Amino acid sequence: MEIQYDDLPDAVEMTLDELDRGSWIGAMTDLQKHVGFNEIVKRKKEQRNQGSGIKVRFVTDHNNSAEDVGLYNTVVFKRDNNLESGRIPWRYTQGSMAWDDREDDINSGSAALVDGVAMEKAAMETSIIEHAEETVWSKPTDSTDNKKPFGVPYWVVKNATLGYNGGNPAGFSAGRAGISSVSVPRLKNYTGAFSNYGDQSAVGLIYMMEKGTYETAWTPPTPEPGNQRNGYGRGIFTTWFNKMALKNIAKQNNDSLGFDLASKEAVYRGSEIMAVPYLDQNTTDNPMYILNFDFFSAVFLKNWFKKRTKPKYLSHQPNVIATVTNMVWNMKCTDPRRQIVFQAA
């Protein structure tokens, strides 16, 4: 009768497996990519040196003083109150880890297969990144939630009607950053609901992308100091299903793809259409966000992006060392009119 080595008497005692010391594979998350964290929180972040929060200001109308006149006319001067101010409070995110200093000696030398402390640090980092990814693509339940940062759906609000219909987010009757789009309708974002992926009708996604990017390409006639970041361009974030549908249309319009079935990614006006695993797993309406990063970013208090405290012994556990990684931050949109969200009808 044939047997395997593991079936031999005393096989386990005689021979160790190849231990592959120091190696392990992370299977700590269901998300294959953390697009929101990497593309928005990490790459598009900015810092503020001080302050209890972030101020945003909008001049909501011009002074309507221009007129056609004749010689020797008289002028009636007036001063309107068109400045609206909003406030974005800091939010605080943290992850933590702890280990017993006796572990270092127990898990050392030839007995050590993996670095336990390094493994725990990776677990803490993954927890923070995963939490931030969820934050990017969600919003606080309502205005009573004073812990959760303002994610993309807080700033870019869905509506099925094509046009500027993204008003106050649900649960925030006072509006985004305390400025209501009911009283200031020019601060609504662009919206729509698509039923196909074509460009020939007003319910096609490509048609909506064309119309939306045209209508949100605001060019100020006079300088707007302070709130614009230059050169960041647009980001297009959606589900894999939407990306694949648009990619197939691009393939049909291209007769020189060669033998590689997926040699290129679909782009729109030079911006890659990025699939977001979190949206795949947590939305049912196939959203597409087109964000103008000149006016949208994650903002951190200076030096508080994943800032880790020095390891310290805990007073009530004298052999246990702990450290905490902190973020002091929120997400900011300084012009909702330049932001777009579409959804499946």
C-alpha atoms as a PDB file:
ATOM      1  CA  MET A   1       0.000   0.000   0.000  1.00  0.00           C
ATOM      2  CA  GLU A   2       1.347   3.444  -0.937  1.00  0.00           C
ATOM      3  CA  ILE A   3       1.502   6.103   1.760  1.00  0.00           C
ATOM      4  CA  GLN A   4       2.623   9.719   2.008  1.00  0.00           C
ATOM      5  CA  TYR A   5       5.567  10.897   4.105  1.00  0.00           C
ATOM      6  CA  ASP A   6       3.243  12.559   6.609  1.00  0.00           C
ATOM      7  CA  ASP A   7       1.759   9.121   7.333  1.00  0.00           C
ATOM      8  CA  LEU A   8       5.080   7.621   8.418  1.00  0.00           C
ATOM      9  CA  PRO A   9       5.426   6.942  12.155  1.00  0.00           C
ATOM     10  CA  ASP A  10       7.080   9.892  13.916  1.00  0.00           C
ATOM     11  CA  ALA A  11       7.203  11.914  10.660  1.00  0.00           C
ATOM     12  CA  VAL A  12       6.075  15.091  12.396  1.00  0.00           C
ATOM     13  CA  GLU A  13       8.712  14.636  15.103  1.00  0.00           C
ATOM     14  CA  MET A  14      11.518  13.786  12.653  1.00  0.00           C
ATOM     15  CA  THR A  15      11.121  16.516  10.067  1.00  0.00           C
ATOM     16  CA  LEU A  16       9.990  20.128  10.150  1.00  0.00           C
ATOM     17  CA  ASP A  17       8.190  21.831   7.310  1.00  0.00           C
ATOM     18  CA  GLU A  18      10.067  24.468   5.333  1.00  0.00           C
ATOM     19  CA  LEU A  19       9.372  27.413   7.623  1.00  0.00           C
ATOM     20  CA  ASP A  20       9.826  30.284   5.122  1.00  0.00           C
ATOM     21  CA  ARG A  21      10.836  32.552   7.975  1.00  0.00           C
ATOM     22  CA  GLY A  22       9.676  36.143   8.027  1.00  0.00           C
ATOM     23  CA  SER A  23       7.001  35.661   5.373  1.00  0.00           C
ATOM     24  CA  TRP A  24       3.259  36.043   5.609  1.00  0.00           C
ATOM     25  CA  ILE A  25       0.439  37.019   3.256  1.00  0.00           C
ATOM     26  CA  GLY A  26      -2.087  39.649   4.259  1.00  0.00           C
ATOM     27  CA  ALA A  27      -5.715  38.572   3.886  1.00  0.00           C
ATOM     28  CA  MET A  28      -7.070  41.271   6.180  1.00  0.00           C
ATOM     29  CA  THR A  29      -9.587  42.963   3.882  1.00  0.00           C
ATOM     30  CA  ASP A  30     -12.294  42.196   1.335  1.00  0.00           C
ATOM     31  CA  LEU A  31     -11.343  45.207  -0.800  1.00  0.00           C
ATOM     32  CA  GLN A  32      -8.753  44.458  -3.474  1.00  0.00           C
ATOM     33  CA  LYS A  33      -7.967  48.166  -3.798  1.00  0.00           C
ATOM     34  CA  HIS A  34      -8.482  51.196  -1.596  1.00  0.00           C
ATOM     35  CA  VAL A  35      -9.028  53.737  -4.350  1.00  0.00           C
ATOM     36  CA  GLY A  36     -10.549  56.483  -2.226  1.00  0.00           C
ATOM     37  CA  PHE A  37      -7.740  56.420   0.314  1.00  0.00           C
ATOM     38  CA  ASN A  38      -4.932  56.335  -2.245  1.00  0.00           C
ATOM     39  CA  GLU A  39      -6.357  58.707  -4.850  1.00  0.00           C
ATOM     40  CA  ILE A  40      -8.102  61.258  -2.603  1.00  0.00           C
ATOM     41  CA  VAL A  41      -6.939  61.018   1.016  1.00  0.00           C
ATOM     42  CA  LYS A  42      -3.273  60.337   0.286  1.00  0.00           C
ATOM     43  CA  ARG A  43      -2.500  61.826  -3.131  1.00  0.00           C
ATOM     44  CA  LYS A  44      -4.841  64.828  -3.130  1.00  0.00           C
ATOM     45  CA  LYS A  45      -4.431  65.893   0.489  1.00  0.00           C
ATOM     46  CA  GLU A  46      -3.468  69.331   1.729  1.00  0.00           C
ATOM     47  CA  GLN A  47      -2.508  70.662   5.171  1.00  0.00           C
ATOM     48  CA  ARG A  48      -3.525  73.513   7.471  1.00  0.00           C
ATOM     49  CA  ASN A  49      -1.133  74.853  10.073  1.00  0.00           C
ATOM     50  CA  GLN A  50      -3.649  75.729  12.768  1.00  0.00           C
ATOM     51  CA  GLY A  51      -7.243  76.516  13.672  1.00  0.00           C
ATOM     52  CA  SER A  52     -10.226  74.698  15.174  1.00  0.00           C
ATOM     53  CA  GLY A  53     -11.653  73.962  11.745  1.00  0.00           C
ATOM     54  CA  ILE A  54     -11.689  75.052   8.101  1.00  0.00           C
ATOM     55  CA  LYS A  55     -13.548  78.087   6.765  1.00  0.00           C
ATOM     56  CA  VAL A  56     -15.056  78.183   3.284  1.00  0.00           C
ATOM     57  CA  ARG A  57     -16.476  81.366   1.780  1.00  0.00           C
ATOM     58  CA  PHE A  58     -18.717  81.970  -1.218  1.00  0.00           C
ATOM     59  CA  VAL A  59     -19.710  85.232  -2.876  1.00  0.00           C
ATOM     60  CA  THR A  60     -23.140  84.183  -4.094  1.00  0.00           C
ATOM     61  CA  ASP A  61     -23.958  87.018  -6.507  1.00  0.00           C
ATOM     62  CA  HIS A  62     -22.428  90.044  -8.204  1.00  0.00           C
ATOM     63  CA  ASN A  63     -23.687  93.507  -7.207  1.00  0.00           C
ATOM     64  CA  ASN A  64     -25.994  93.999 -10.223  1.00  0.00           C
ATOM     65  CA  SER A  65     -24.696  97.542 -10.703  1.00  0.00           C
ATOM     66  CA  ALA A  66     -24.033  97.371 -14.451  1.00  0.00           C
ATOM     67  CA  GLU A  67     -26.469  99.357 -16.634  1.00  0.00           C
ATOM     68  CA  ASP A  68     -26.688 101.291 -19.867  1.00  0.00           C
ATOM     69  CA  VAL A  69     -26.772 105.044 -19.270  1.00  0.00           C
ATOM     70  CA  GLY A  70     -26.909 108.419 -21.016  1.00  0.00           C
ATOM     71  CA  LEU A  71     -24.937 111.615 -20.525  1.00  0.00           C
ATOM     72  CA  TYR A  72     -25.157 113.375 -17.176  1.00  0.00           C
ATOM     73  CA  ASN A  73     -26.763 110.362 -15.588  1.00  0.00           C
ATOM     74  CA  THR A  74     -27.021 109.926 -11.869  1.00  0.00           C
ATOM     75  CA  VAL A  75     -25.788 106.788 -10.099  1.00  0.00           C
ATOM     76  CA  VAL A  76     -27.515 105.010  -7.246  1.00  0.00           C
ATOM     77  CA  PHE A  77     -24.894 103.174  -5.246  1.00  0.00           C
ATOM     78  CA  LYS A  78     -25.710 100.128  -3.196  1.00  0.00           C
ATOM     79  CA  ARG A  79     -23.881  97.437  -1.301  1.00  0.00           C
ATOM     80  CA  ASP A  80     -25.338  93.921  -1.133  1.00  0.00           C
ATOM     81  CA  ASN A  81     -24.519  91.255   1.429  1.00  0.00           C
ATOM     82  CA  ASN A  82     -23.494  88.373  -0.834  1.00  0.00           C
ATOM     83  CA  LEU A  83     -20.814  86.687   1.261  1.00  0.00           C
ATOM     84  CA  GLU A  84     -21.731  83.312   2.770  1.00  0.00           C
ATOM     85  CA  SER A  85     -19.342  81.530   5.137  1.00  0.00           C
ATOM     86  CA  GLY A  86     -19.315  77.894   6.096  1.00  0.00           C
ATOM     87  CA  ARG A  87     -17.273  75.835   8.536  1.00  0.00           C
ATOM     88  CA  ILE A  88     -15.820  72.354   8.307  1.00  0.00           C
ATOM     89  CA  PRO A  89     -14.838  70.978  11.734  1.00  0.00           C
ATOM     90  CA  TRP A  90     -11.878  68.702  12.297  1.00  0.00           C
ATOM     91  CA  ARG A  91     -12.623  65.027  12.713  1.00  0.00           C
ATOM     92  CA  TYR A  92     -10.388  62.553  14.548  1.00  0.00           C
ATOM     93  CA  THR A  93      -9.561  59.058  13.315  1.00  0.00           C
ATOM     94  CA  GLN A  94      -7.260  56.652  15.111  1.00  0.00           C
ATOM     95  CA  GLY A  95      -6.023  53.088  15.144  1.00  0.00           C
ATOM     96  CA  SER A  96      -4.070  51.349  17.879  1.00  0.00           C
ATOM     97  CA  MET A  97      -1.848  48.402  18.676  1.00  0.00           C
ATOM     98  CA  ALA A  98      -0.282  46.870  21.770  1.00  0.00           C
ATOM     99  CA  TRP A  99       2.176  44.105  22.587  1.00  0.00           C
ATOM    100  CA  ASP A 100       3.736  42.564  25.665  1.00  0.00           C
ATOM    101  CA  ASP A 101       7.476  43.196  25.915  1.00  0.00           C
ATOM    102  CA  ARG A 102       7.974  39.550  26.880  1.00  0.00           C
ATOM    103  CA  GLU A 103       6.870  38.588  23.376  1.00  0.00           C
ATOM    104  CA  ASP A 104      10.120  39.963  21.967  1.00  0.00           C
ATOM    105  CA  ASP A 105      12.188  37.386  23.831  1.00  0.00           C
ATOM    106  CA  ILE A 106       9.739  34.525  23.366  1.00  0.00           C
ATOM    107  CA  ASN A 107       9.469  35.139  19.639  1.00  0.00           C
ATOM    108  CA  SER A 108      13.186  35.532  18.897  1.00  0.00           C
ATOM    109  CA  GLY A 109      16.136  33.737  17.397  1.00  0.00           C
ATOM    110  CA  SER A 110      15.486  30.403  15.719  1.00  0.00           C
ATOM    111  CA  ALA A 111      12.049  30.216  17.360  1.00  0.00           C
ATOM    112  CA  ALA A 112      10.795  33.293  15.530  1.00  0.00           C
ATOM    113  CA  LEU A 113       8.888  32.561  12.334  1.00  0.00           C
ATOM    114  CA  VAL A 114       7.454  36.039  11.774  1.00  0.00           C
ATOM    115  CA  ASP A 115       7.944  39.445  13.396  1.00  0.00           C
ATOM    116  CA  GLY A 116       4.855  39.672  15.582  1.00  0.00           C
ATOM    117  CA  VAL A 117       5.167  43.396  16.200  1.00  0.00           C
ATOM    118  CA  ALA A 118       5.580  44.158  12.491  1.00  0.00           C
ATOM    119  CA  MET A 119       2.559  41.984  11.730  1.00  0.00           C
ATOM    120  CA  GLU A 120       0.449  43.831  14.305  1.00  0.00           C
ATOM    121  CA  LYS A 121       1.603  47.186  12.916  1.00  0.00           C
ATOM    122  CA  ALA A 122       0.473  46.113   9.443  1.00  0.00           C
ATOM    123  CA  ALA A 123      -2.895  45.100  10.892  1.00  0.00           C
ATOM    124  CA  MET A 124      -3.299  48.532  12.506  1.00  0.00           C
ATOM    125  CA  GLU A 125      -2.322  50.340   9.295  1.00  0.00           C
ATOM    126  CA  THR A 126      -4.772  48.231   7.293  1.00  0.00           C
ATOM    127  CA  SER A 127      -7.539  49.016   9.749  1.00  0.00           C
ATOM    128  CA  ILE A 128      -6.948  52.762   9.373  1.00  0.00           C
ATOM    129  CA  ILE A 129      -6.813  52.599   5.571  1.00  0.00           C
ATOM    130  CA  GLU A 130      -9.943  50.447   5.379  1.00  0.00           C
ATOM    131  CA  HIS A 131     -11.792  52.815   7.719  1.00  0.00           C
ATOM    132  CA  ALA A 132     -10.686  55.844   5.681  1.00  0.00           C
ATOM    133  CA  GLU A 133     -11.844  54.155   2.464  1.00  0.00           C
ATOM    134  CA  GLU A 134     -15.310  53.688   3.935  1.00  0.00           C
ATOM    135  CA  THR A 135     -15.263  57.314   5.103  1.00  0.00           C
ATOM    136  CA  VAL A 136     -14.467  58.639   1.622  1.00  0.00           C
ATOM    137  CA  TRP A 137     -17.493  56.930   0.053  1.00  0.00           C
ATOM    138  CA  SER A 138     -20.039  57.588   2.815  1.00  0.00           C
ATOM    139  CA  LYS A 139     -21.387  60.444   4.908  1.00  0.00           C
ATOM    140  CA  PRO A 140     -22.479  61.005   8.503  1.00  0.00           C
ATOM    141  CA  THR A 141     -26.035  59.828   9.127  1.00  0.00           C
ATOM    142  CA  ASP A 142     -27.168  63.322  10.087  1.00  0.00           C
ATOM    143  CA  SER A 143     -26.016  66.534  11.739  1.00  0.00           C
ATOM    144  CA  THR A 144     -25.986  64.943  15.200  1.00  0.00           C
ATOM    145  CA  ASP A 145     -23.002  62.774  14.213  1.00  0.00           C
ATOM    146  CA  ASN A 146     -20.001  64.820  15.319  1.00  0.00           C
ATOM    147  CA  LYS A 147     -17.375  62.107  14.773  1.00  0.00           C
ATOM    148  CA  LYS A 148     -17.566  60.903  11.176  1.00  0.00           C
ATOM    149  CA  PRO A 149     -15.761  62.997   8.514  1.00  0.00           C
ATOM    150  CA  PHE A 150     -17.631  64.460   5.548  1.00  0.00           C
ATOM    151  CA  GLY A 151     -17.197  61.939   2.720  1.00  0.00           C
ATOM    152  CA  VAL A 152     -17.883  62.401  -0.982  1.00  0.00           C
ATOM    153  CA  PRO A 153     -21.682  61.746  -0.703  1.00  0.00           C
ATOM    154  CA  TYR A 154     -21.934  64.572   1.837  1.00  0.00           C
ATOM    155  CA  TRP A 155     -20.513  67.058  -0.671  1.00  0.00           C
ATOM    156  CA  VAL A 156     -21.788  65.526  -3.927  1.00  0.00           C
ATOM    157  CA  VAL A 157     -25.462  64.666  -3.480  1.00  0.00           C
ATOM    158  CA  LYS A 158     -27.410  62.341  -5.781  1.00  0.00           C
ATOM    159  CA  ASN A 159     -30.595  63.273  -7.630  1.00  0.00           C
ATOM    160  CA  ALA A 160     -32.284  61.539 -10.584  1.00  0.00           C
ATOM    161  CA  THR A 161     -32.949  64.749 -12.531  1.00  0.00           C
ATOM    162  CA  LEU A 162     -30.307  65.915 -14.991  1.00  0.00           C
ATOM    163  CA  GLY A 163     -28.866  69.276 -14.012  1.00  0.00           C
ATOM    164  CA  TYR A 164     -27.986  71.204 -10.874  1.00  0.00           C
ATOM    165  CA  ASN A 165     -30.166  69.306  -8.421  1.00  0.00           C
ATOM    166  CA  GLY A 166     -27.716  68.033  -5.769  1.00  0.00           C
ATOM    167  CA  GLY A 167     -28.890  69.988  -2.748  1.00  0.00           C
ATOM    168  CA  ASN A 168     -28.551  69.556   0.988  1.00  0.00           C
ATOM    169  CA  PRO A 169     -27.456  66.041   2.002  1.00  0.00           C
ATOM    170  CA  ALA A 170     -30.050  63.953   3.843  1.00  0.00           C
ATOM    171  CA  GLY A 171     -30.027  64.741   7.551  1.00  0.00           C
ATOM    172  CA  PHE A 172     -28.355  68.132   7.074  1.00  0.00           C
ATOM    173  CA  SER A 173     -31.149  70.680   6.699  1.00  0.00           C
ATOM    174  CA  ALA A 174     -28.680  73.528   7.321  1.00  0.00           C
ATOM    175  CA  GLY A 175     -26.700  72.406   4.272  1.00  0.00           C
ATOM    176  CA  ARG A 176     -23.117  71.464   3.567  1.00  0.00           C
ATOM    177  CA  ALA A 177     -20.732  73.244   5.933  1.00  0.00           C
ATOM    178  CA  GLY A 178     -23.796  75.091   7.277  1.00  0.00           C
ATOM    179  CA  ILE A 179     -24.747  76.767   3.965  1.00  0.00           C
ATOM    180  CA  SER A 180     -28.133  75.655   2.658  1.00  0.00           C
ATOM    181  CA  SER A 181     -28.558  75.148  -1.073  1.00  0.00           C
ATOM    182  CA  VAL A 182     -32.208  76.108  -0.575  1.00  0.00           C
ATOM    183  CA  SER A 183     -31.165  79.681   0.159  1.00  0.00           C
ATOM    184  CA  VAL A 184     -28.100  79.503  -2.112  1.00  0.00           C
ATOM    185  CA  PRO A 185     -29.132  77.287  -5.063  1.00  0.00           C
ATOM    186  CA  ARG A 186     -25.923  78.090  -6.948  1.00  0.00           C
ATOM    187  CA  LEU A 187     -24.137  75.739  -4.568  1.00  0.00           C
ATOM    188  CA  LYS A 188     -25.902  72.631  -5.867  1.00  0.00           C
ATOM    189  CA  ASN A 189     -23.858  69.936  -7.604  1.00  0.00           C
ATOM    190  CA  TYR A 190     -24.636  68.370 -10.979  1.00  0.00           C
ATOM    191  CA  THR A 191     -26.730  65.180 -11.075  1.00  0.00           C
ATOM    192  CA  GLY A 192     -28.592  62.736 -13.300  1.00  0.00           C
ATOM    193  CA  ALA A 193     -29.826  59.160 -13.689  1.00  0.00           C
ATOM    194  CA  PHE A 194     -28.858  57.082 -16.732  1.00  0.00           C
ATOM    195  CA  SER A 195     -30.675  54.122 -18.265  1.00  0.00           C
ATOM    196  CA  ASN A 196     -28.077  53.211 -20.924  1.00  0.00           C
ATOM    197  CA  TYR A 197     -24.447  53.935 -21.735  1.00  0.00           C
ATOM    198  CA  GLY A 198     -24.804  55.744 -25.049  1.00  0.00           C
ATOM    199  CA  ASP A 199     -24.297  59.325 -26.172  1.00  0.00           C
ATOM    200  CA  GLN A 200     -27.346  59.758 -28.392  1.00  0.00           C
ATOM    201  CA  SER A 201     -30.045  60.426 -25.800  1.00  0.00           C
ATOM    202  CA  ALA A 202     -30.399  62.444 -22.616  1.00  0.00           C
ATOM    203  CA  VAL A 203     -30.573  59.250 -20.534  1.00  0.00           C
ATOM    204  CA  GLY A 204     -27.262  57.843 -21.828  1.00  0.00           C
ATOM    205  CA  LEU A 205     -24.289  57.942 -19.470  1.00  0.00           C
ATOM    206  CA  ILE A 206     -21.812  59.214 -22.060  1.00  0.00           C
ATOM    207  CA  TYR A 207     -24.288  61.938 -23.050  1.00  0.00           C
ATOM    208  CA  MET A 208     -24.577  62.936 -19.381  1.00  0.00           C
ATOM    209  CA  MET A 209     -20.805  62.924 -18.954  1.00  0.00           C
ATOM    210  CA  GLU A 210     -20.464  65.253 -21.948  1.00  0.00           C
ATOM    211  CA  LYS A 211     -23.194  67.593 -20.766  1.00  0.00           C
ATOM    212  CA  GLY A 212     -22.096  67.509 -17.130  1.00  0.00           C
ATOM    213  CA  THR A 213     -18.428  68.240 -17.786  1.00  0.00           C
ATOM    214  CA  TYR A 214     -19.433  71.048 -20.155  1.00  0.00           C
ATOM    215  CA  GLU A 215     -21.811  72.662 -17.674  1.00  0.00           C
ATOM    216  CA  THR A 216     -19.457  72.367 -14.693  1.00  0.00           C
ATOM    217  CA  ALA A 217     -16.426  73.847 -16.469  1.00  0.00           C
ATOM    218  CA  TRP A 218     -16.771  77.179 -14.728  1.00  0.00           C
ATOM    219  CA  THR A 219     -14.328  79.905 -15.794  1.00  0.00           C
ATOM    220  CA  PRO A 220     -14.470  82.917 -13.472  1.00  0.00           C
ATOM    221  CA  PRO A 221     -14.454  86.288 -15.250  1.00  0.00           C
ATOM    222  CA  THR A 222     -12.413  87.805 -12.402  1.00  0.00           C
ATOM    223  CA  PRO A 223      -9.839  86.217 -10.054  1.00  0.00           C
ATOM    224  CA  GLU A 224     -11.079  84.074  -7.159  1.00  0.00           C
ATOM    225  CA  PRO A 225      -8.338  84.204  -4.512  1.00  0.00           C
ATOM    226  CA  GLY A 226      -7.606  81.510  -2.032  1.00  0.00           C
ATOM    227  CA  ASN A 227      -9.828  78.475  -2.441  1.00  0.00           C
ATOM    228  CA  GLN A 228      -8.670  76.978  -5.730  1.00  0.00           C
ATOM    229  CA  ARG A 229      -5.900  74.396  -6.128  1.00  0.00           C
ATOM    230  CA  ASN A 230      -4.434  74.550  -9.605  1.00  0.00           C
ATOM    231  CA  GLY A 231      -3.497  71.633 -11.833  1.00  0.00           C
ATOM    232  CA  TYR A 232      -5.156  68.707 -10.060  1.00  0.00           C
ATOM    233  CA  GLY A 233      -7.637  67.874 -12.815  1.00  0.00           C
ATOM    234  CA  ARG A 234     -10.621  65.548 -12.583  1.00  0.00           C
ATOM    235  CA  GLY A 235     -11.070  62.114 -11.077  1.00  0.00           C
ATOM    236  CA  ILE A 236     -13.739  59.700 -12.328  1.00  0.00           C
ATOM    237  CA  PHE A 237     -14.803  57.024  -9.833  1.00  0.00           C
ATOM    238  CA  THR A 238     -17.456  54.386 -10.428  1.00  0.00           C
ATOM    239  CA  THR A 239     -18.308  50.697 -10.202  1.00  0.00           C
ATOM    240  CA  TRP A 240     -16.602  47.933 -12.181  1.00  0.00           C
ATOM    241  CA  PHE A 241     -19.890  47.323 -14.017  1.00  0.00           C
ATOM    242  CA  ASN A 242     -20.017  50.908 -15.316  1.00  0.00           C
ATOM    243  CA  LYS A 243     -16.329  50.919 -16.183  1.00  0.00           C
ATOM    244  CA  MET A 244     -16.640  47.668 -18.132  1.00  0.00           C
ATOM    245  CA  ALA A 245     -19.681  48.908 -20.061  1.00  0.00           C
ATOM    246  CA  LEU A 246     -17.826  52.074 -21.088  1.00  0.00           C
ATOM    247  CA  LYS A 247     -14.695  50.089 -21.918  1.00  0.00           C
ATOM    248  CA  ASN A 248     -16.701  47.848 -24.244  1.00  0.00           C
ATOM    249  CA  ILE A 249     -18.030  50.914 -26.072  1.00  0.00           C
ATOM    250  CA  ALA A 250     -14.452  52.161 -26.442  1.00  0.00           C
ATOM    251  CA  LYS A 251     -13.446  48.768 -27.873  1.00  0.00           C
ATOM    252  CA  GLN A 252     -16.258  48.892 -30.419  1.00  0.00           C
ATOM    253  CA  ASN A 253     -15.059  52.317 -31.538  1.00  0.00           C
ATOM    254  CA  ASN A 254     -11.435  51.189 -31.908  1.00  0.00           C
ATOM    255  CA  ASP A 255     -10.361  48.863 -34.720  1.00  0.00           C
ATOM    256  CA  SER A 256      -6.676  48.639 -33.758  1.00  0.00           C
ATOM    257  CA  LEU A 257      -6.642  46.967 -30.343  1.00  0.00           C
ATOM    258  CA  GLY A 258      -4.490  44.063 -31.534  1.00  0.00           C
ATOM    259  CA  PHE A 259      -4.524  40.682 -29.818  1.00  0.00           C
ATOM    260  CA  ASP A 260      -4.535  41.933 -26.216  1.00  0.00           C
ATOM    261  CA  LEU A 261      -8.179  41.935 -25.087  1.00  0.00           C
ATOM    262  CA  ALA A 262      -7.515  44.484 -22.331  1.00  0.00           C
ATOM    263  CA  SER A 263      -4.420  46.383 -23.397  1.00  0.00           C
ATOM    264  CA  LYS A 264      -5.747  49.797 -22.393  1.00  0.00           C
ATOM    265  CA  GLU A 265      -8.060  51.283 -19.798  1.00  0.00           C
ATOM    266  CA  ALA A 266     -11.023  53.436 -20.748  1.00  0.00           C
ATOM    267  CA  VAL A 267     -10.422  57.160 -20.300  1.00  0.00           C
ATOM    268  CA  TYR A 268     -12.596  60.220 -20.639  1.00  0.00           C
ATOM    269  CA  ARG A 269     -11.000  63.530 -21.626  1.00  0.00           C
ATOM    270  CA  GLY A 270      -7.668  62.203 -20.462  1.00  0.00           C
ATOM    271  CA  SER A 271      -8.896  60.997 -17.045  1.00  0.00           C
ATOM    272  CA  GLU A 272      -8.892  57.279 -16.283  1.00  0.00           C
ATOM    273  CA  ILE A 273     -12.279  55.832 -15.363  1.00  0.00           C
ATOM    274  CA  MET A 274     -11.451  54.161 -12.056  1.00  0.00           C
ATOM    275  CA  ALA A 275     -13.427  51.254 -10.598  1.00  0.00           C
ATOM    276  CA  VAL A 276     -13.878  51.454  -6.825  1.00  0.00           C
ATOM    277  CA  PRO A 277     -14.296  48.098  -5.040  1.00  0.00           C
ATOM    278  CA  TYR A 278     -16.027  49.782  -2.096  1.00  0.00           C
ATOM    279  CA  LEU A 279     -18.729  51.097  -4.462  1.00  0.00           C
ATOM    280  CA  ASP A 280     -19.049  47.615  -6.001  1.00  0.00           C
ATOM    281  CA  GLN A 281     -19.748  46.096  -2.611  1.00  0.00           C
ATOM    282  CA  ASN A 282     -21.777  48.821  -0.924  1.00  0.00           C
ATOM    283  CA  THR A 283     -23.988  50.531  -3.525  1.00  0.00           C
ATOM    284  CA  THR A 284     -26.919  49.323  -5.618  1.00  0.00           C
ATOM    285  CA  ASP A 285     -27.394  52.270  -7.994  1.00  0.00           C
ATOM    286  CA  ASN A 286     -24.073  52.091  -9.921  1.00  0.00           C
ATOM    287  CA  PRO A 287     -22.918  55.634  -9.098  1.00  0.00           C
ATOM    288  CA  MET A 288     -20.314  57.614 -10.998  1.00  0.00           C
ATOM    289  CA  TYR A 289     -18.578  60.532  -9.302  1.00  0.00           C
ATOM    290  CA  ILE A 290     -16.692  63.040 -11.456  1.00  0.00           C
ATOM    291  CA  LEU A 291     -14.701  65.174  -9.048  1.00  0.00           C
ATOM    292  CA  ASN A 292     -12.799  68.345  -9.818  1.00  0.00           C
ATOM    293  CA  PHE A 293      -9.786  68.140  -7.514  1.00  0.00           C
ATOM    294  CA  ASP A 294      -8.986  71.820  -7.913  1.00  0.00           C
ATOM    295  CA  PHE A 295     -11.938  72.289  -5.560  1.00  0.00           C
ATOM    296  CA  PHE A 296     -12.090  68.991  -3.672  1.00  0.00           C
ATOM    297  CA  SER A 297      -9.556  67.503  -1.268  1.00  0.00           C
ATOM    298  CA  ALA A 298      -8.853  65.823   2.028  1.00  0.00           C
ATOM    299  CA  VAL A 299      -7.493  68.375   4.504  1.00  0.00           C
ATOM    300  CA  PHE A 300      -5.243  67.539   7.460  1.00  0.00           C
ATOM    301  CA  LEU A 301      -3.997  69.498  10.394  1.00  0.00           C
ATOM    302  CA  LYS A 302      -0.274  69.833   9.725  1.00  0.00           C
ATOM    303  CA  ASN A 303       1.687  66.635  10.456  1.00  0.00           C
ATOM    304  CA  TRP A 304      -1.443  64.712  11.514  1.00  0.00           C
ATOM    305  CA  PHE A 305      -1.712  62.357   8.554  1.00  0.00           C
ATOM    306  CA  LYS A 306      -1.181  58.922  10.116  1.00  0.00           C
ATOM    307  CA  LYS A 307       0.858  60.429  12.967  1.00  0.00           C
ATOM    308  CA  ARG A 308       2.003  57.712  15.360  1.00  0.00           C
ATOM    309  CA  THR A 309       2.588  58.282  19.065  1.00  0.00           C
ATOM    310  CA  LYS A 310       5.776  57.070  20.677  1.00  0.00           C
ATOM    311  CA  PRO A 311       5.401  53.557  22.152  1.00  0.00           C
ATOM    312  CA  LYS A 312       4.646  53.769  25.865  1.00  0.00           C
ATOM    313  CA  TYR A 313       4.111  51.292  28.677  1.00  0.00           C
ATOM    314  CA  LEU A 314       0.562  51.194  30.010  1.00  0.00           C
ATOM    315  CA  SER A 315       0.246  52.138  33.658  1.00  0.00           C
ATOM    316  CA  HIS A 316      -2.221  49.359  34.501  1.00  0.00           C
ATOM    317  CA  GLN A 317      -0.333  46.709  32.476  1.00  0.00           C
ATOM    318  CA  PRO A 318       3.353  47.227  33.236  1.00  0.00           C
ATOM    319  CA  ASN A 319       4.643  44.859  30.539  1.00  0.00           C
ATOM    320  CA  VAL A 320       2.360  46.069  27.761  1.00  0.00           C
ATOM    321  CA  ILE A 321       3.545  48.652  25.243  1.00  0.00           C
ATOM    322  CA  ALA A 322       0.992  50.579  23.152  1.00  0.00           C
ATOM    323  CA  THR A 323       1.005  53.095  20.323  1.00  0.00           C
ATOM    324  CA  VAL A 324      -1.755  54.972  18.524  1.00  0.00           C
ATOM    325  CA  THR A 325      -1.851  56.272  14.941  1.00  0.00           C
ATOM    326  CA  ASN A 326      -3.946  59.412  14.538  1.00  0.00           C
ATOM    327  CA  MET A 327      -5.419  61.517  11.769  1.00  0.00           C
ATOM    328  CA  VAL A 328      -6.872  65.002  12.324  1.00  0.00           C
ATOM    329  CA  TRP A 329      -8.728  65.732   9.110  1.00  0.00           C
ATOM    330  CA  ASN A 330     -11.882  66.173   7.120  1.00  0.00           C
ATOM    331  CA  MET A 331     -12.877  66.405   3.483  1.00  0.00           C
ATOM    332  CA  LYS A 332     -13.479  69.761   1.839  1.00  0.00           C
ATOM    333  CA  CYS A 333     -15.284  70.967  -1.264  1.00  0.00           C
ATOM    334  CA  THR A 334     -14.916  74.659  -2.046  1.00  0.00           C
ATOM    335  CA  ASP A 335     -17.250  74.618  -5.071  1.00  0.00           C
ATOM    336  CA  PRO A 336     -20.028  72.002  -5.363  1.00  0.00           C
ATOM    337  CA  ARG A 337     -20.998  73.447  -8.779  1.00  0.00           C
ATOM    338  CA  ARG A 338     -17.918  71.814 -10.265  1.00  0.00           C
ATOM    339  CA  GLN A 339     -18.764  68.322  -8.952  1.00  0.00           C
ATOM    340  CA  ILE A 340     -20.890  65.641 -10.633  1.00  0.00           C
ATOM    341  CA  VAL A 341     -22.645  62.449  -9.627  1.00  0.00           C
ATOM    342  CA  PHE A 342     -24.697  60.145 -11.856  1.00  0.00           C
ATOM    343  CA  GLN A 343     -26.601  57.025 -10.881  1.00  0.00           C
ATOM    344  CA  ALA A 344     -28.475  54.224 -12.618  1.00  0.00           C
ATOM    345  CA  ALA A 345     -32.170  54.929 -13.090  1.00  0.00           C
END
